Amino acid sequence: EARVMLDCNQQWTLSQSMAVCNELRGMNPYWIEEPTHPDDVLA
């Protein structure tokens, strides 16, 4: 029932973000925070 947020602090590339986020689906994160570079809107 509790909300769990995961914060990457910009560490991943887009491809890493894709792979790891898919592995994290099963623990139902409320959000994924700052997965990649903050200026990269399109990523």
PDB file of all heavy atoms in Angstrom:
ATOM      1  N   GLU A   1       0.808  -1.222   0.000  1.00  0.00           N
ATOM      2  CA  GLU A   1       0.000   0.000   0.000  1.00  0.00           C
ATOM      3  C   GLU A   1       0.837   1.267   0.000  1.00  0.00           C
ATOM      4  O   GLU A   1       0.387   2.327  -0.459  1.00  0.00           O
ATOM      5  CB  GLU A   1      -0.954   0.002   1.202  1.00  0.00           C
ATOM      6  CG  GLU A   1      -1.951  -1.143   1.216  1.00  0.00           C
ATOM      7  CD  GLU A   1      -2.801  -1.165  -0.042  1.00  0.00           C
ATOM      8  OE1 GLU A   1      -3.271  -0.075  -0.454  1.00  0.00           O
ATOM      9  OE2 GLU A   1      -2.987  -2.248  -0.622  1.00  0.00           O
ATOM     10  N   ALA A   2       2.030   1.215   0.542  1.00  0.00           N
ATOM     11  CA  ALA A   2       2.873   2.407   0.620  1.00  0.00           C
ATOM     12  C   ALA A   2       3.396   2.795  -0.764  1.00  0.00           C
ATOM     13  O   ALA A   2       3.541   1.951  -1.653  1.00  0.00           O
ATOM     14  CB  ALA A   2       4.038   2.159   1.574  1.00  0.00           C
ATOM     15  N   ARG A   3       3.685   4.077  -0.923  1.00  0.00           N
ATOM     16  CA  ARG A   3       4.277   4.569  -2.163  1.00  0.00           C
ATOM     17  C   ARG A   3       5.795   4.517  -2.046  1.00  0.00           C
ATOM     18  O   ARG A   3       6.363   4.947  -1.034  1.00  0.00           O
ATOM     19  CB  ARG A   3       3.828   6.005  -2.436  1.00  0.00           C
ATOM     20  CG  ARG A   3       2.344   6.140  -2.735  1.00  0.00           C
ATOM     21  CD  ARG A   3       1.933   7.604  -2.715  1.00  0.00           C
ATOM     22  NE  ARG A   3       0.562   7.795  -3.174  1.00  0.00           N
ATOM     23  CZ  ARG A   3      -0.088   8.949  -3.113  1.00  0.00           C
ATOM     24  NH1 ARG A   3       0.517  10.016  -2.606  1.00  0.00           N
ATOM     25  NH2 ARG A   3      -1.329   9.050  -3.557  1.00  0.00           N
ATOM     26  N   VAL A   4       6.442   4.010  -3.095  1.00  0.00           N
ATOM     27  CA  VAL A   4       7.903   3.937  -3.136  1.00  0.00           C
ATOM     28  C   VAL A   4       8.375   4.663  -4.390  1.00  0.00           C
ATOM     29  O   VAL A   4       7.969   4.317  -5.505  1.00  0.00           O
ATOM     30  CB  VAL A   4       8.409   2.480  -3.156  1.00  0.00           C
ATOM     31  CG1 VAL A   4       9.935   2.463  -3.246  1.00  0.00           C
ATOM     32  CG2 VAL A   4       7.933   1.734  -1.915  1.00  0.00           C
ATOM     33  N   MET A   5       9.233   5.668  -4.200  1.00  0.00           N
ATOM     34  CA  MET A   5       9.820   6.398  -5.309  1.00  0.00           C
ATOM     35  C   MET A   5      11.276   5.985  -5.478  1.00  0.00           C
ATOM     36  O   MET A   5      11.963   5.702  -4.485  1.00  0.00           O
ATOM     37  CB  MET A   5       9.740   7.906  -5.063  1.00  0.00           C
ATOM     38  CG  MET A   5       8.323   8.463  -5.182  1.00  0.00           C
ATOM     39  SD  MET A   5       7.242   7.987  -3.819  1.00  0.00           S
ATOM     40  CE  MET A   5       7.911   8.990  -2.498  1.00  0.00           C
ATOM     41  N   LEU A   6      11.738   5.950  -6.717  1.00  0.00           N
ATOM     42  CA  LEU A   6      13.116   5.581  -7.030  1.00  0.00           C
ATOM     43  C   LEU A   6      13.790   6.756  -7.725  1.00  0.00           C
ATOM     44  O   LEU A   6      13.272   7.278  -8.711  1.00  0.00           O
ATOM     45  CB  LEU A   6      13.145   4.346  -7.930  1.00  0.00           C
ATOM     46  CG  LEU A   6      12.417   3.109  -7.392  1.00  0.00           C
ATOM     47  CD1 LEU A   6      12.439   1.991  -8.427  1.00  0.00           C
ATOM     48  CD2 LEU A   6      13.031   2.637  -6.082  1.00  0.00           C
ATOM     49  N   ASP A   7      14.950   7.160  -7.215  1.00  0.00           N
ATOM     50  CA  ASP A   7      15.622   8.370  -7.689  1.00  0.00           C
ATOM     51  C   ASP A   7      17.007   8.025  -8.217  1.00  0.00           C
ATOM     52  O   ASP A   7      17.893   7.619  -7.465  1.00  0.00           O
ATOM     53  CB  ASP A   7      15.732   9.371  -6.530  1.00  0.00           C
ATOM     54  CG  ASP A   7      16.298  10.706  -6.957  1.00  0.00           C
ATOM     55  OD1 ASP A   7      16.612  10.881  -8.141  1.00  0.00           O
ATOM     56  OD2 ASP A   7      16.416  11.591  -6.083  1.00  0.00           O
ATOM     57  N   CYS A   8      17.199   8.212  -9.534  1.00  0.00           N
ATOM     58  CA  CYS A   8      18.459   7.851 -10.191  1.00  0.00           C
ATOM     59  C   CYS A   8      19.480   8.987 -10.201  1.00  0.00           C
ATOM     60  O   CYS A   8      20.667   8.768 -10.438  1.00  0.00           O
ATOM     61  CB  CYS A   8      18.162   7.419 -11.623  1.00  0.00           C
ATOM     62  SG  CYS A   8      19.585   6.777 -12.502  1.00  0.00           S
ATOM     63  N   ASN A   9      19.018  10.224  -9.971  1.00  0.00           N
ATOM     64  CA  ASN A   9      19.911  11.384  -9.985  1.00  0.00           C
ATOM     65  C   ASN A   9      20.725  11.483 -11.280  1.00  0.00           C
ATOM     66  O   ASN A   9      21.914  11.776 -11.263  1.00  0.00           O
ATOM     67  CB  ASN A   9      20.822  11.406  -8.767  1.00  0.00           C
ATOM     68  CG  ASN A   9      20.065  11.708  -7.488  1.00  0.00           C
ATOM     69  OD1 ASN A   9      19.706  10.788  -6.746  1.00  0.00           O
ATOM     70  ND2 ASN A   9      19.799  12.969  -7.235  1.00  0.00           N
ATOM     71  N   GLN A  10      20.068  11.192 -12.408  1.00  0.00           N
ATOM     72  CA  GLN A  10      20.600  11.431 -13.764  1.00  0.00           C
ATOM     73  C   GLN A  10      21.653  10.421 -14.225  1.00  0.00           C
ATOM     74  O   GLN A  10      22.292  10.621 -15.255  1.00  0.00           O
ATOM     75  CB  GLN A  10      21.227  12.835 -13.873  1.00  0.00           C
ATOM     76  CG  GLN A  10      20.397  13.948 -13.272  1.00  0.00           C
ATOM     77  CD  GLN A  10      21.261  15.102 -12.820  1.00  0.00           C
ATOM     78  OE1 GLN A  10      22.115  15.582 -13.558  1.00  0.00           O
ATOM     79  NE2 GLN A  10      21.048  15.562 -11.606  1.00  0.00           N
ATOM     80  N   GLN A  11      21.852   9.336 -13.502  1.00  0.00           N
ATOM     81  CA  GLN A  11      22.986   8.455 -13.752  1.00  0.00           C
ATOM     82  C   GLN A  11      22.856   7.634 -15.032  1.00  0.00           C
ATOM     83  O   GLN A  11      23.860   7.369 -15.704  1.00  0.00           O
ATOM     84  CB  GLN A  11      23.162   7.502 -12.562  1.00  0.00           C
ATOM     85  CG  GLN A  11      24.321   6.533 -12.666  1.00  0.00           C
ATOM     86  CD  GLN A  11      25.658   7.223 -12.649  1.00  0.00           C
ATOM     87  OE1 GLN A  11      26.191   7.564 -13.685  1.00  0.00           O
ATOM     88  NE2 GLN A  11      26.194   7.459 -11.452  1.00  0.00           N
ATOM     89  N   TRP A  12      21.663   7.211 -15.414  1.00  0.00           N
ATOM     90  CA  TRP A  12      21.511   6.294 -16.534  1.00  0.00           C
ATOM     91  C   TRP A  12      21.508   7.015 -17.884  1.00  0.00           C
ATOM     92  O   TRP A  12      21.115   8.174 -17.990  1.00  0.00           O
ATOM     93  CB  TRP A  12      20.199   5.509 -16.421  1.00  0.00           C
ATOM     94  CG  TRP A  12      20.093   4.615 -15.235  1.00  0.00           C
ATOM     95  CD1 TRP A  12      21.089   3.924 -14.631  1.00  0.00           C
ATOM     96  CD2 TRP A  12      18.889   4.315 -14.502  1.00  0.00           C
ATOM     97  NE1 TRP A  12      20.589   3.199 -13.574  1.00  0.00           N
ATOM     98  CE2 TRP A  12      19.245   3.418 -13.469  1.00  0.00           C
ATOM     99  CE3 TRP A  12      17.551   4.697 -14.624  1.00  0.00           C
ATOM    100  CZ2 TRP A  12      18.315   2.914 -12.565  1.00  0.00           C
ATOM    101  CZ3 TRP A  12      16.621   4.194 -13.731  1.00  0.00           C
ATOM    102  CH2 TRP A  12      17.006   3.310 -12.715  1.00  0.00           C
ATOM    103  N   THR A  13      21.911   6.293 -18.921  1.00  0.00           N
ATOM    104  CA  THR A  13      21.631   6.715 -20.290  1.00  0.00           C
ATOM    105  C   THR A  13      20.202   6.305 -20.630  1.00  0.00           C
ATOM    106  O   THR A  13      19.534   5.604 -19.854  1.00  0.00           O
ATOM    107  CB  THR A  13      22.603   6.044 -21.270  1.00  0.00           C
ATOM    108  OG1 THR A  13      22.368   4.620 -21.231  1.00  0.00           O
ATOM    109  CG2 THR A  13      24.053   6.331 -20.896  1.00  0.00           C
ATOM    110  N   LEU A  14      19.738   6.709 -21.803  1.00  0.00           N
ATOM    111  CA  LEU A  14      18.381   6.330 -22.199  1.00  0.00           C
ATOM    112  C   LEU A  14      18.241   4.815 -22.307  1.00  0.00           C
ATOM    113  O   LEU A  14      17.257   4.241 -21.815  1.00  0.00           O
ATOM    114  CB  LEU A  14      18.018   6.998 -23.532  1.00  0.00           C
ATOM    115  CG  LEU A  14      16.656   6.613 -24.118  1.00  0.00           C
ATOM    116  CD1 LEU A  14      15.532   6.912 -23.141  1.00  0.00           C
ATOM    117  CD2 LEU A  14      16.434   7.338 -25.447  1.00  0.00           C
ATOM    118  N   SER A  15      19.203   4.145 -22.920  1.00  0.00           N
ATOM    119  CA  SER A  15      19.095   2.691 -23.079  1.00  0.00           C
ATOM    120  C   SER A  15      19.133   1.992 -21.721  1.00  0.00           C
ATOM    121  O   SER A  15      18.390   1.023 -21.498  1.00  0.00           O
ATOM    122  CB  SER A  15      20.209   2.168 -23.984  1.00  0.00           C
ATOM    123  OG  SER A  15      21.487   2.465 -23.446  1.00  0.00           O
ATOM    124  N   GLN A  16      19.975   2.452 -20.814  1.00  0.00           N
ATOM    125  CA  GLN A  16      19.998   1.879 -19.467  1.00  0.00           C
ATOM    126  C   GLN A  16      18.664   2.104 -18.773  1.00  0.00           C
ATOM    127  O   GLN A  16      18.137   1.211 -18.096  1.00  0.00           O
ATOM    128  CB  GLN A  16      21.127   2.502 -18.649  1.00  0.00           C
ATOM    129  CG  GLN A  16      22.523   2.069 -19.050  1.00  0.00           C
ATOM    130  CD  GLN A  16      23.598   2.853 -18.313  1.00  0.00           C
ATOM    131  OE1 GLN A  16      23.488   4.062 -18.115  1.00  0.00           O
ATOM    132  NE2 GLN A  16      24.635   2.156 -17.881  1.00  0.00           N
ATOM    133  N   SER A  17      18.119   3.308 -18.923  1.00  0.00           N
ATOM    134  CA  SER A  17      16.830   3.621 -18.295  1.00  0.00           C
ATOM    135  C   SER A  17      15.747   2.671 -18.780  1.00  0.00           C
ATOM    136  O   SER A  17      14.944   2.152 -17.989  1.00  0.00           O
ATOM    137  CB  SER A  17      16.425   5.064 -18.617  1.00  0.00           C
ATOM    138  OG  SER A  17      17.362   5.987 -18.139  1.00  0.00           O
ATOM    139  N   MET A  18      15.713   2.425 -20.073  1.00  0.00           N
ATOM    140  CA  MET A  18      14.717   1.514 -20.651  1.00  0.00           C
ATOM    141  C   MET A  18      14.830   0.128 -20.026  1.00  0.00           C
ATOM    142  O   MET A  18      13.832  -0.464 -19.584  1.00  0.00           O
ATOM    143  CB  MET A  18      14.930   1.413 -22.157  1.00  0.00           C
ATOM    144  CG  MET A  18      14.617   2.668 -22.922  1.00  0.00           C
ATOM    145  SD  MET A  18      12.851   2.791 -23.258  1.00  0.00           S
ATOM    146  CE  MET A  18      12.897   3.872 -24.689  1.00  0.00           C
ATOM    147  N   ALA A  19      16.048  -0.372 -19.961  1.00  0.00           N
ATOM    148  CA  ALA A  19      16.255  -1.734 -19.464  1.00  0.00           C
ATOM    149  C   ALA A  19      15.914  -1.856 -17.989  1.00  0.00           C
ATOM    150  O   ALA A  19      15.188  -2.778 -17.572  1.00  0.00           O
ATOM    151  CB  ALA A  19      17.707  -2.146 -19.714  1.00  0.00           C
ATOM    152  N   VAL A  20      16.416  -0.936 -17.180  1.00  0.00           N
ATOM    153  CA  VAL A  20      16.224  -1.054 -15.734  1.00  0.00           C
ATOM    154  C   VAL A  20      14.776  -0.783 -15.358  1.00  0.00           C
ATOM    155  O   VAL A  20      14.198  -1.486 -14.506  1.00  0.00           O
ATOM    156  CB  VAL A  20      17.177  -0.115 -14.977  1.00  0.00           C
ATOM    157  CG1 VAL A  20      16.955  -0.240 -13.459  1.00  0.00           C
ATOM    158  CG2 VAL A  20      18.626  -0.417 -15.315  1.00  0.00           C
ATOM    159  N   CYS A  21      14.157   0.210 -15.969  1.00  0.00           N
ATOM    160  CA  CYS A  21      12.759   0.512 -15.635  1.00  0.00           C
ATOM    161  C   CYS A  21      11.851  -0.688 -15.911  1.00  0.00           C
ATOM    162  O   CYS A  21      10.917  -0.964 -15.140  1.00  0.00           O
ATOM    163  CB  CYS A  21      12.278   1.740 -16.407  1.00  0.00           C
ATOM    164  SG  CYS A  21      12.943   3.299 -15.793  1.00  0.00           S
ATOM    165  N   ASN A  22      12.093  -1.389 -16.981  1.00  0.00           N
ATOM    166  CA  ASN A  22      11.283  -2.571 -17.276  1.00  0.00           C
ATOM    167  C   ASN A  22      11.461  -3.655 -16.210  1.00  0.00           C
ATOM    168  O   ASN A  22      10.514  -4.382 -15.882  1.00  0.00           O
ATOM    169  CB  ASN A  22      11.624  -3.112 -18.662  1.00  0.00           C
ATOM    170  CG  ASN A  22      10.961  -2.317 -19.763  1.00  0.00           C
ATOM    171  OD1 ASN A  22       9.821  -1.888 -19.613  1.00  0.00           O
ATOM    172  ND2 ASN A  22      11.660  -2.105 -20.866  1.00  0.00           N
ATOM    173  N   GLU A  23      12.665  -3.762 -15.646  1.00  0.00           N
ATOM    174  CA  GLU A  23      12.910  -4.721 -14.567  1.00  0.00           C
ATOM    175  C   GLU A  23      12.227  -4.305 -13.268  1.00  0.00           C
ATOM    176  O   GLU A  23      11.963  -5.135 -12.394  1.00  0.00           O
ATOM    177  CB  GLU A  23      14.418  -4.858 -14.326  1.00  0.00           C
ATOM    178  CG  GLU A  23      15.181  -5.502 -15.465  1.00  0.00           C
ATOM    179  CD  GLU A  23      14.880  -6.999 -15.573  1.00  0.00           C
ATOM    180  OE1 GLU A  23      14.502  -7.617 -14.562  1.00  0.00           O
ATOM    181  OE2 GLU A  23      15.021  -7.540 -16.692  1.00  0.00           O
ATOM    182  N   LEU A  24      11.943  -3.024 -13.140  1.00  0.00           N
ATOM    183  CA  LEU A  24      11.376  -2.497 -11.895  1.00  0.00           C
ATOM    184  C   LEU A  24       9.847  -2.505 -11.876  1.00  0.00           C
ATOM    185  O   LEU A  24       9.246  -2.193 -10.850  1.00  0.00           O
ATOM    186  CB  LEU A  24      11.873  -1.062 -11.659  1.00  0.00           C
ATOM    187  CG  LEU A  24      13.368  -0.931 -11.370  1.00  0.00           C
ATOM    188  CD1 LEU A  24      13.791   0.534 -11.439  1.00  0.00           C
ATOM    189  CD2 LEU A  24      13.712  -1.516 -10.001  1.00  0.00           C
ATOM    190  N   ARG A  25       9.225  -2.862 -12.974  1.00  0.00           N
ATOM    191  CA  ARG A  25       7.763  -2.825 -13.035  1.00  0.00           C
ATOM    192  C   ARG A  25       7.121  -3.632 -11.913  1.00  0.00           C
ATOM    193  O   ARG A  25       6.098  -3.234 -11.336  1.00  0.00           O
ATOM    194  CB  ARG A  25       7.276  -3.364 -14.375  1.00  0.00           C
ATOM    195  CG  ARG A  25       7.481  -2.448 -15.544  1.00  0.00           C
ATOM    196  CD  ARG A  25       6.882  -3.033 -16.821  1.00  0.00           C
ATOM    197  NE  ARG A  25       7.182  -2.220 -17.982  1.00  0.00           N
ATOM    198  CZ  ARG A  25       6.486  -1.147 -18.348  1.00  0.00           C
ATOM    199  NH1 ARG A  25       5.439  -0.772 -17.621  1.00  0.00           N
ATOM    200  NH2 ARG A  25       6.822  -0.470 -19.425  1.00  0.00           N
ATOM    201  N   GLY A  26       7.721  -4.764 -11.596  1.00  0.00           N
ATOM    202  CA  GLY A  26       7.105  -5.675 -10.631  1.00  0.00           C
ATOM    203  C   GLY A  26       7.017  -5.141  -9.225  1.00  0.00           C
ATOM    204  O   GLY A  26       6.215  -5.651  -8.427  1.00  0.00           O
ATOM    205  N   MET A  27       7.834  -4.111  -8.866  1.00  0.00           N
ATOM    206  CA  MET A  27       7.721  -3.576  -7.507  1.00  0.00           C
ATOM    207  C   MET A  27       6.860  -2.303  -7.467  1.00  0.00           C
ATOM    208  O   MET A  27       6.695  -1.683  -6.434  1.00  0.00           O
ATOM    209  CB  MET A  27       9.099  -3.328  -6.876  1.00  0.00           C
ATOM    210  CG  MET A  27      10.069  -2.456  -7.630  1.00  0.00           C
ATOM    211  SD  MET A  27       9.796  -0.645  -7.492  1.00  0.00           S
ATOM    212  CE  MET A  27       9.756  -0.392  -5.741  1.00  0.00           C
ATOM    213  N   ASN A  28       6.304  -1.930  -8.627  1.00  0.00           N
ATOM    214  CA  ASN A  28       5.301  -0.871  -8.714  1.00  0.00           C
ATOM    215  C   ASN A  28       5.793   0.450  -8.116  1.00  0.00           C
ATOM    216  O   ASN A  28       5.226   0.963  -7.147  1.00  0.00           O
ATOM    217  CB  ASN A  28       4.001  -1.309  -8.013  1.00  0.00           C
ATOM    218  CG  ASN A  28       2.861  -0.344  -8.280  1.00  0.00           C
ATOM    219  OD1 ASN A  28       2.818   0.327  -9.306  1.00  0.00           O
ATOM    220  ND2 ASN A  28       1.930  -0.267  -7.335  1.00  0.00           N
ATOM    221  N   PRO A  29       6.821   1.061  -8.714  1.00  0.00           N
ATOM    222  CA  PRO A  29       7.279   2.357  -8.210  1.00  0.00           C
ATOM    223  C   PRO A  29       6.254   3.452  -8.477  1.00  0.00           C
ATOM    224  O   PRO A  29       5.604   3.459  -9.533  1.00  0.00           O
ATOM    225  CB  PRO A  29       8.567   2.608  -8.995  1.00  0.00           C
ATOM    226  CG  PRO A  29       8.385   1.835 -10.259  1.00  0.00           C
ATOM    227  CD  PRO A  29       7.590   0.620  -9.889  1.00  0.00           C
ATOM    228  N   TYR A  30       6.104   4.368  -7.543  1.00  0.00           N
ATOM    229  CA  TYR A  30       5.187   5.495  -7.730  1.00  0.00           C
ATOM    230  C   TYR A  30       5.722   6.420  -8.801  1.00  0.00           C
ATOM    231  O   TYR A  30       4.960   6.994  -9.574  1.00  0.00           O
ATOM    232  CB  TYR A  30       4.994   6.229  -6.408  1.00  0.00           C
ATOM    233  CG  TYR A  30       3.876   7.248  -6.428  1.00  0.00           C
ATOM    234  CD1 TYR A  30       2.564   6.863  -6.664  1.00  0.00           C
ATOM    235  CD2 TYR A  30       4.142   8.592  -6.206  1.00  0.00           C
ATOM    236  CE1 TYR A  30       1.531   7.793  -6.682  1.00  0.00           C
ATOM    237  CE2 TYR A  30       3.123   9.535  -6.212  1.00  0.00           C
ATOM    238  CZ  TYR A  30       1.818   9.132  -6.450  1.00  0.00           C
ATOM    239  OH  TYR A  30       0.808  10.057  -6.468  1.00  0.00           O
ATOM    240  N   TRP A  31       7.039   6.591  -8.835  1.00  0.00           N
ATOM    241  CA  TRP A  31       7.689   7.291  -9.935  1.00  0.00           C
ATOM    242  C   TRP A  31       9.151   6.879 -10.034  1.00  0.00           C
ATOM    243  O   TRP A  31       9.724   6.342  -9.098  1.00  0.00           O
ATOM    244  CB  TRP A  31       7.559   8.806  -9.834  1.00  0.00           C
ATOM    245  CG  TRP A  31       8.380   9.514  -8.761  1.00  0.00           C
ATOM    246  CD1 TRP A  31       9.718   9.392  -8.497  1.00  0.00           C
ATOM    247  CD2 TRP A  31       7.892  10.513  -7.848  1.00  0.00           C
ATOM    248  NE1 TRP A  31      10.098  10.242  -7.485  1.00  0.00           N
ATOM    249  CE2 TRP A  31       9.001  10.945  -7.064  1.00  0.00           C
ATOM    250  CE3 TRP A  31       6.652  11.092  -7.633  1.00  0.00           C
ATOM    251  CZ2 TRP A  31       8.893  11.910  -6.071  1.00  0.00           C
ATOM    252  CZ3 TRP A  31       6.542  12.062  -6.636  1.00  0.00           C
ATOM    253  CH2 TRP A  31       7.638  12.448  -5.871  1.00  0.00           C
ATOM    254  N   ILE A  32       9.741   7.144 -11.215  1.00  0.00           N
ATOM    255  CA  ILE A  32      11.174   7.053 -11.443  1.00  0.00           C
ATOM    256  C   ILE A  32      11.669   8.490 -11.604  1.00  0.00           C
ATOM    257  O   ILE A  32      11.218   9.214 -12.497  1.00  0.00           O
ATOM    258  CB  ILE A  32      11.525   6.251 -12.712  1.00  0.00           C
ATOM    259  CG1 ILE A  32      10.821   4.889 -12.723  1.00  0.00           C
ATOM    260  CG2 ILE A  32      13.037   6.121 -12.853  1.00  0.00           C
ATOM    261  CD1 ILE A  32      11.331   3.912 -11.706  1.00  0.00           C
ATOM    262  N   GLU A  33      12.586   8.891 -10.736  1.00  0.00           N
ATOM    263  CA  GLU A  33      13.005  10.296 -10.687  1.00  0.00           C
ATOM    264  C   GLU A  33      14.355  10.491 -11.365  1.00  0.00           C
ATOM    265  O   GLU A  33      15.293   9.730 -11.144  1.00  0.00           O
ATOM    266  CB  GLU A  33      13.084  10.733  -9.224  1.00  0.00           C
ATOM    267  CG  GLU A  33      13.436  12.183  -9.002  1.00  0.00           C
ATOM    268  CD  GLU A  33      13.316  12.579  -7.533  1.00  0.00           C
ATOM    269  OE1 GLU A  33      12.606  11.866  -6.776  1.00  0.00           O
ATOM    270  OE2 GLU A  33      13.939  13.580  -7.149  1.00  0.00           O
ATOM    271  N   GLU A  34      14.425  11.528 -12.185  1.00  0.00           N
ATOM    272  CA  GLU A  34      15.663  11.936 -12.861  1.00  0.00           C
ATOM    273  C   GLU A  34      16.458  10.752 -13.432  1.00  0.00           C
ATOM    274  O   GLU A  34      17.603  10.521 -13.058  1.00  0.00           O
ATOM    275  CB  GLU A  34      16.565  12.706 -11.893  1.00  0.00           C
ATOM    276  CG  GLU A  34      16.095  14.112 -11.597  1.00  0.00           C
ATOM    277  CD  GLU A  34      17.238  14.969 -11.070  1.00  0.00           C
ATOM    278  OE1 GLU A  34      17.920  14.560 -10.113  1.00  0.00           O
ATOM    279  OE2 GLU A  34      17.458  16.048 -11.611  1.00  0.00           O
ATOM    280  N   PRO A  35      15.890  10.013 -14.369  1.00  0.00           N
ATOM    281  CA  PRO A  35      16.598   8.832 -14.872  1.00  0.00           C
ATOM    282  C   PRO A  35      17.836   9.161 -15.706  1.00  0.00           C
ATOM    283  O   PRO A  35      18.800   8.392 -15.705  1.00  0.00           O
ATOM    284  CB  PRO A  35      15.541   8.124 -15.724  1.00  0.00           C
ATOM    285  CG  PRO A  35      14.591   9.215 -16.125  1.00  0.00           C
ATOM    286  CD  PRO A  35      14.547  10.148 -14.957  1.00  0.00           C
ATOM    287  N   THR A  36      17.810  10.308 -16.429  1.00  0.00           N
ATOM    288  CA  THR A  36      18.934  10.611 -17.320  1.00  0.00           C
ATOM    289  C   THR A  36      19.181  12.114 -17.325  1.00  0.00           C
ATOM    290  O   THR A  36      18.675  12.839 -16.468  1.00  0.00           O
ATOM    291  CB  THR A  36      18.668  10.032 -18.733  1.00  0.00           C
ATOM    292  OG1 THR A  36      19.863  10.127 -19.508  1.00  0.00           O
ATOM    293  CG2 THR A  36      17.527  10.735 -19.443  1.00  0.00           C
ATOM    294  N   HIS A  37      19.959  12.607 -18.262  1.00  0.00           N
ATOM    295  CA  HIS A  37      20.410  14.000 -18.230  1.00  0.00           C
ATOM    296  C   HIS A  37      19.231  14.972 -18.231  1.00  0.00           C
ATOM    297  O   HIS A  37      18.325  14.868 -19.066  1.00  0.00           O
ATOM    298  CB  HIS A  37      21.311  14.279 -19.434  1.00  0.00           C
ATOM    299  CG  HIS A  37      22.097  15.542 -19.289  1.00  0.00           C
ATOM    300  ND1 HIS A  37      21.529  16.793 -19.420  1.00  0.00           N
ATOM    301  CD2 HIS A  37      23.407  15.751 -18.997  1.00  0.00           C
ATOM    302  CE1 HIS A  37      22.450  17.718 -19.226  1.00  0.00           C
ATOM    303  NE2 HIS A  37      23.607  17.104 -18.966  1.00  0.00           N
ATOM    304  N   PRO A  38      19.217  15.950 -17.328  1.00  0.00           N
ATOM    305  CA  PRO A  38      18.036  16.806 -17.186  1.00  0.00           C
ATOM    306  C   PRO A  38      17.748  17.707 -18.379  1.00  0.00           C
ATOM    307  O   PRO A  38      16.621  18.189 -18.518  1.00  0.00           O
ATOM    308  CB  PRO A  38      18.349  17.632 -15.927  1.00  0.00           C
ATOM    309  CG  PRO A  38      19.829  17.593 -15.784  1.00  0.00           C
ATOM    310  CD  PRO A  38      20.239  16.243 -16.302  1.00  0.00           C
ATOM    311  N   ASP A  39      18.742  17.975 -19.229  1.00  0.00           N
ATOM    312  CA  ASP A  39      18.493  18.809 -20.405  1.00  0.00           C
ATOM    313  C   ASP A  39      17.924  18.018 -21.578  1.00  0.00           C
ATOM    314  O   ASP A  39      17.512  18.616 -22.589  1.00  0.00           O
ATOM    315  CB  ASP A  39      19.793  19.479 -20.872  1.00  0.00           C
ATOM    316  CG  ASP A  39      20.280  20.548 -19.910  1.00  0.00           C
ATOM    317  OD1 ASP A  39      19.525  20.904 -18.985  1.00  0.00           O
ATOM    318  OD2 ASP A  39      21.418  21.023 -20.073  1.00  0.00           O
ATOM    319  N   ASP A  40      17.895  16.712 -21.470  1.00  0.00           N
ATOM    320  CA  ASP A  40      17.494  15.868 -22.599  1.00  0.00           C
ATOM    321  C   ASP A  40      15.988  15.596 -22.557  1.00  0.00           C
ATOM    322  O   ASP A  40      15.530  14.534 -22.135  1.00  0.00           O
ATOM    323  CB  ASP A  40      18.290  14.563 -22.582  1.00  0.00           C
ATOM    324  CG  ASP A  40      18.262  13.845 -23.925  1.00  0.00           C
ATOM    325  OD1 ASP A  40      17.371  14.157 -24.749  1.00  0.00           O
ATOM    326  OD2 ASP A  40      19.127  12.988 -24.150  1.00  0.00           O
ATOM    327  N   VAL A  41      15.237  16.577 -23.023  1.00  0.00           N
ATOM    328  CA  VAL A  41      13.779  16.477 -22.989  1.00  0.00           C
ATOM    329  C   VAL A  41      13.291  15.309 -23.841  1.00  0.00           C
ATOM    330  O   VAL A  41      12.405  14.544 -23.429  1.00  0.00           O
ATOM    331  CB  VAL A  41      13.136  17.796 -23.468  1.00  0.00           C
ATOM    332  CG1 VAL A  41      11.609  17.678 -23.456  1.00  0.00           C
ATOM    333  CG2 VAL A  41      13.584  18.962 -22.600  1.00  0.00           C
ATOM    334  N   LEU A  42      13.858  15.145 -25.018  1.00  0.00           N
ATOM    335  CA  LEU A  42      13.370  14.103 -25.927  1.00  0.00           C
ATOM    336  C   LEU A  42      13.663  12.700 -25.410  1.00  0.00           C
ATOM    337  O   LEU A  42      12.866  11.776 -25.621  1.00  0.00           O
ATOM    338  CB  LEU A  42      13.967  14.297 -27.313  1.00  0.00           C
ATOM    339  CG  LEU A  42      13.507  15.557 -28.053  1.00  0.00           C
ATOM    340  CD1 LEU A  42      14.126  15.628 -29.441  1.00  0.00           C
ATOM    341  CD2 LEU A  42      11.983  15.628 -28.138  1.00  0.00           C
ATOM    342  N   ALA A  43      14.786  12.521 -24.714  1.00  0.00           N
ATOM    343  CA  ALA A  43      15.054  11.209 -24.118  1.00  0.00           C
ATOM    344  C   ALA A  43      14.002  10.883 -23.067  1.00  0.00           C
ATOM    345  O   ALA A  43      13.520   9.744 -22.981  1.00  0.00           O
ATOM    346  CB  ALA A  43      16.445  11.186 -23.496  1.00  0.00           C
TER     347      ALA A  43
END
